[in-house]
Amino acid sequence: MADLFRNVSSWLEAKRTAIATSTVTYRRGDRSVCVSATIGRTEYQQDDGYGIITKAESRDFLILAMDLVLDGLVVLPEVGDRIEEMQCDKTFTYEVLPIGGPHAHYRYSDPFRQTLRIHTKLIQEEVGT
């Protein structure tokens, strides 16, 4: 039965990638790759250690794990990596960052580790020339 679930999960991920993505550029230093990403968000809370709870939200990029290839190797996201998203004449740059609580800077979005959910924060907005 597990193979049936894996096959259905693969089919769903292929459909999501085909119809619910846009192309973004994933950067690590001077290396980059263009990948298809579904845009999402994660709401979370952070405690400042003094009893103040801050609510925040990360912009998430859902990317097929096998598509995140740098220098010919499949890699996992690292804190400090950048994702560039184009909208009309603007480029939005996001930095991969861990979010509050038990969450890291990414997690798998499905039980078969096919899709990465990468947590980011907007760090720059540029208007094209």
C-alpha atoms as a PDB file:
ATOM      1  CA  MET A   1       0.000   0.000   0.000  1.00  0.00           C
ATOM      2  CA  ALA A   2       2.887   2.386   0.690  1.00  0.00           C
ATOM      3  CA  ASP A   3       3.828   2.332  -2.997  1.00  0.00           C
ATOM      4  CA  LEU A   4       0.293   3.419  -3.894  1.00  0.00           C
ATOM      5  CA  PHE A   5       0.543   6.361  -1.487  1.00  0.00           C
ATOM      6  CA  ARG A   6       3.980   7.270  -2.823  1.00  0.00           C
ATOM      7  CA  ASN A   7       2.698   7.133  -6.394  1.00  0.00           C
ATOM      8  CA  VAL A   8      -0.311   9.312  -5.585  1.00  0.00           C
ATOM      9  CA  SER A   9       1.916  11.766  -3.710  1.00  0.00           C
ATOM     10  CA  SER A  10       4.284  11.938  -6.699  1.00  0.00           C
ATOM     11  CA  TRP A  11       1.363  12.517  -9.041  1.00  0.00           C
ATOM     12  CA  LEU A  12       0.012  15.325  -6.841  1.00  0.00           C
ATOM     13  CA  GLU A  13       3.443  16.978  -6.611  1.00  0.00           C
ATOM     14  CA  ALA A  14       3.816  16.815 -10.399  1.00  0.00           C
ATOM     15  CA  LYS A  15       0.389  18.445 -10.839  1.00  0.00           C
ATOM     16  CA  ARG A  16       1.191  21.168  -8.266  1.00  0.00           C
ATOM     17  CA  THR A  17       4.461  21.902 -10.038  1.00  0.00           C
ATOM     18  CA  ALA A  18       2.790  21.981 -13.451  1.00  0.00           C
ATOM     19  CA  ILE A  19      -0.119  24.294 -12.607  1.00  0.00           C
ATOM     20  CA  ALA A  20       0.597  26.186  -9.367  1.00  0.00           C
ATOM     21  CA  THR A  21       4.163  27.472  -9.638  1.00  0.00           C
ATOM     22  CA  SER A  22       6.212  30.349 -10.903  1.00  0.00           C
ATOM     23  CA  THR A  23       9.899  30.406 -11.733  1.00  0.00           C
ATOM     24  CA  VAL A  24      12.234  31.791  -9.068  1.00  0.00           C
ATOM     25  CA  THR A  25      16.015  31.948  -8.818  1.00  0.00           C
ATOM     26  CA  TYR A  26      17.615  30.140  -5.891  1.00  0.00           C
ATOM     27  CA  ARG A  27      21.077  31.528  -5.000  1.00  0.00           C
ATOM     28  CA  ARG A  28      23.915  30.389  -2.782  1.00  0.00           C
ATOM     29  CA  GLY A  29      26.834  32.766  -3.118  1.00  0.00           C
ATOM     30  CA  ASP A  30      27.665  33.022  -6.816  1.00  0.00           C
ATOM     31  CA  ARG A  31      25.839  29.785  -7.701  1.00  0.00           C
ATOM     32  CA  SER A  32      22.209  29.778  -8.772  1.00  0.00           C
ATOM     33  CA  VAL A  33      19.458  27.664 -10.281  1.00  0.00           C
ATOM     34  CA  CYS A  34      16.043  28.556 -11.686  1.00  0.00           C
ATOM     35  CA  VAL A  35      13.316  26.390 -10.149  1.00  0.00           C
ATOM     36  CA  SER A  36       9.544  26.169 -10.140  1.00  0.00           C
ATOM     37  CA  ALA A  37       8.105  27.212  -6.779  1.00  0.00           C
ATOM     38  CA  THR A  38       4.680  27.393  -5.212  1.00  0.00           C
ATOM     39  CA  ILE A  39       4.338  30.392  -2.905  1.00  0.00           C
ATOM     40  CA  GLY A  40       3.066  29.782   0.608  1.00  0.00           C
ATOM     41  CA  ARG A  41       3.316  31.182   4.103  1.00  0.00           C
ATOM     42  CA  THR A  42       3.802  30.014   7.660  1.00  0.00           C
ATOM     43  CA  GLU A  43       2.479  31.952  10.625  1.00  0.00           C
ATOM     44  CA  TYR A  44       4.407  31.555  13.860  1.00  0.00           C
ATOM     45  CA  GLN A  45       4.983  33.158  17.253  1.00  0.00           C
ATOM     46  CA  GLN A  46       8.236  34.145  18.897  1.00  0.00           C
ATOM     47  CA  ASP A  47       8.840  34.742  22.595  1.00  0.00           C
ATOM     48  CA  ASP A  48      11.451  37.438  23.223  1.00  0.00           C
ATOM     49  CA  GLY A  49      12.437  35.808  26.531  1.00  0.00           C
ATOM     50  CA  TYR A  50      10.771  38.572  28.564  1.00  0.00           C
ATOM     51  CA  GLY A  51       7.194  37.414  28.108  1.00  0.00           C
ATOM     52  CA  ILE A  52       6.463  39.362  24.929  1.00  0.00           C
ATOM     53  CA  ILE A  53       4.993  37.185  22.190  1.00  0.00           C
ATOM     54  CA  THR A  54       5.415  38.473  18.653  1.00  0.00           C
ATOM     55  CA  LYS A  55       3.374  37.057  15.795  1.00  0.00           C
ATOM     56  CA  ALA A  56       5.178  36.834  12.482  1.00  0.00           C
ATOM     57  CA  GLU A  57       4.879  35.248   9.073  1.00  0.00           C
ATOM     58  CA  SER A  58       7.408  33.798   6.673  1.00  0.00           C
ATOM     59  CA  ARG A  59       7.056  33.635   2.909  1.00  0.00           C
ATOM     60  CA  ASP A  60       7.534  30.026   1.957  1.00  0.00           C
ATOM     61  CA  PHE A  61       8.675  28.566  -1.318  1.00  0.00           C
ATOM     62  CA  LEU A  62       7.657  24.971  -2.062  1.00  0.00           C
ATOM     63  CA  ILE A  63      10.232  23.446  -4.387  1.00  0.00           C
ATOM     64  CA  LEU A  64      10.732  19.873  -5.532  1.00  0.00           C
ATOM     65  CA  ALA A  65      13.762  18.599  -3.624  1.00  0.00           C
ATOM     66  CA  MET A  66      15.244  17.039  -6.766  1.00  0.00           C
ATOM     67  CA  ASP A  67      15.166  20.446  -8.526  1.00  0.00           C
ATOM     68  CA  LEU A  68      17.428  22.180  -5.993  1.00  0.00           C
ATOM     69  CA  VAL A  69      20.693  21.458  -7.833  1.00  0.00           C
ATOM     70  CA  LEU A  70      23.855  23.558  -7.467  1.00  0.00           C
ATOM     71  CA  ASP A  71      27.078  22.634  -9.252  1.00  0.00           C
ATOM     72  CA  GLY A  72      25.497  19.383 -10.410  1.00  0.00           C
ATOM     73  CA  LEU A  73      24.595  18.212  -6.894  1.00  0.00           C
ATOM     74  CA  VAL A  74      21.196  18.046  -5.230  1.00  0.00           C
ATOM     75  CA  VAL A  75      21.470  20.220  -2.100  1.00  0.00           C
ATOM     76  CA  LEU A  76      19.327  21.163   0.877  1.00  0.00           C
ATOM     77  CA  PRO A  77      18.557  24.787   1.759  1.00  0.00           C
ATOM     78  CA  GLU A  78      21.012  26.613   4.013  1.00  0.00           C
ATOM     79  CA  VAL A  79      20.427  29.649   6.200  1.00  0.00           C
ATOM     80  CA  GLY A  80      21.537  32.725   4.267  1.00  0.00           C
ATOM     81  CA  ASP A  81      20.640  31.380   0.816  1.00  0.00           C
ATOM     82  CA  ARG A  82      18.580  33.790  -1.293  1.00  0.00           C
ATOM     83  CA  ILE A  83      15.490  33.377  -3.435  1.00  0.00           C
ATOM     84  CA  GLU A  84      14.643  35.985  -6.075  1.00  0.00           C
ATOM     85  CA  GLU A  85      11.078  36.330  -7.260  1.00  0.00           C
ATOM     86  CA  MET A  86      10.019  38.546 -10.191  1.00  0.00           C
ATOM     87  CA  GLN A  87       6.619  40.246 -10.185  1.00  0.00           C
ATOM     88  CA  CYS A  88       5.928  42.644 -13.051  1.00  0.00           C
ATOM     89  CA  ASP A  89       8.931  45.011 -13.072  1.00  0.00           C
ATOM     90  CA  LYS A  90      10.046  44.283  -9.491  1.00  0.00           C
ATOM     91  CA  THR A  91      12.515  41.770  -8.096  1.00  0.00           C
ATOM     92  CA  PHE A  92      11.876  40.632  -4.546  1.00  0.00           C
ATOM     93  CA  THR A  93      14.821  39.032  -2.741  1.00  0.00           C
ATOM     94  CA  TYR A  94      14.158  36.738   0.205  1.00  0.00           C
ATOM     95  CA  GLU A  95      16.697  35.256   2.618  1.00  0.00           C
ATOM     96  CA  VAL A  96      16.370  31.715   3.940  1.00  0.00           C
ATOM     97  CA  LEU A  97      15.970  32.031   7.705  1.00  0.00           C
ATOM     98  CA  PRO A  98      14.769  29.788  10.521  1.00  0.00           C
ATOM     99  CA  ILE A  99      11.395  30.658  11.973  1.00  0.00           C
ATOM    100  CA  GLY A 100      10.467  30.664  15.646  1.00  0.00           C
ATOM    101  CA  GLY A 101       9.698  27.663  17.766  1.00  0.00           C
ATOM    102  CA  PRO A 102      10.688  24.156  16.757  1.00  0.00           C
ATOM    103  CA  HIS A 103      10.806  24.971  13.043  1.00  0.00           C
ATOM    104  CA  ALA A 104      14.062  25.169  11.160  1.00  0.00           C
ATOM    105  CA  HIS A 105      14.692  27.098   7.962  1.00  0.00           C
ATOM    106  CA  TYR A 106      13.022  24.397   5.870  1.00  0.00           C
ATOM    107  CA  ARG A 107      10.987  21.243   6.257  1.00  0.00           C
ATOM    108  CA  TYR A 108       9.644  18.572   3.999  1.00  0.00           C
ATOM    109  CA  SER A 109       6.112  19.231   2.845  1.00  0.00           C
ATOM    110  CA  ASP A 110       5.141  15.610   2.258  1.00  0.00           C
ATOM    111  CA  PRO A 111       5.804  12.235   3.905  1.00  0.00           C
ATOM    112  CA  PHE A 112       8.063  11.058   1.069  1.00  0.00           C
ATOM    113  CA  ARG A 113      10.443  14.058   1.175  1.00  0.00           C
ATOM    114  CA  GLN A 114       9.711  15.090  -2.380  1.00  0.00           C
ATOM    115  CA  THR A 115       8.979  18.759  -1.693  1.00  0.00           C
ATOM    116  CA  LEU A 116      10.857  21.287   0.422  1.00  0.00           C
ATOM    117  CA  ARG A 117       9.012  24.099   2.203  1.00  0.00           C
ATOM    118  CA  ILE A 118      11.662  26.808   2.549  1.00  0.00           C
ATOM    119  CA  HIS A 119      11.034  29.607   5.085  1.00  0.00           C
ATOM    120  CA  THR A 120      12.203  33.111   4.105  1.00  0.00           C
ATOM    121  CA  LYS A 121      11.966  36.795   4.921  1.00  0.00           C
ATOM    122  CA  LEU A 122      11.906  39.677   2.442  1.00  0.00           C
ATOM    123  CA  ILE A 123      15.221  41.558   2.542  1.00  0.00           C
ATOM    124  CA  GLN A 124      15.207  43.617  -0.671  1.00  0.00           C
ATOM    125  CA  GLU A 125      12.869  45.001  -3.294  1.00  0.00           C
ATOM    126  CA  GLU A 126      14.188  46.419  -6.566  1.00  0.00           C
ATOM    127  CA  VAL A 127      12.421  48.021  -9.510  1.00  0.00           C
ATOM    128  CA  GLY A 128      13.744  46.813 -12.878  1.00  0.00           C
ATOM    129  CA  THR A 129      15.376  49.140 -15.367  1.00  0.00           C
END
